[in-house]
Amino acid sequence: MSIRRRRFCPACGGRFTTYERVQLRDLVVVKTNGKREDFDRDKLERSIRISMQKRPIDPERIDQMISGIVRRLESMGETDISSKKIGEIVMEALARIDTVAYVRFASVYKNFQAADDFEDFVHELRPMTPGED
């Protein structure tokens, strides 16, 4: 997924690590208001990690999920991708890994305004049991 390199600074003598990733193409995110901005993997990673905060998920699994999302976006064949499509892909990936993280992400993505919004969303997640409406 990435190449880890140990580096040396000749000026101060310090050693540090850099990580390099292959980027297939430059992606542009098209927001719902029409604004366009360069795709930022770090921004995607931050939002996913926030939704997974304090969840019992291995950090390596999170990294694999993020890399998988980025690969999927890059392999779509388009350079312009709507923020809505990115959100759907992220929610799909989170739903497979952790329901709580999925609901957390959805609360921001779907802009929940009240407790009823959470209740309706969680109700949709639960399978219907016999005798339930």
Foldseek 3Di string as FASTA:
>chain_A
DWDKDWDADPVPRDIDIDIGDDQLDWAWEQEPVRDIDTDDLVVVLVLLCVLCPPPPDDVVVSVVLSVVLNVVVRPPPDRYDYPVVSLVSSLVSCVVPDPSSSLSSCCVVVVDDDVVVSVVVVVVVDDDDPPGD
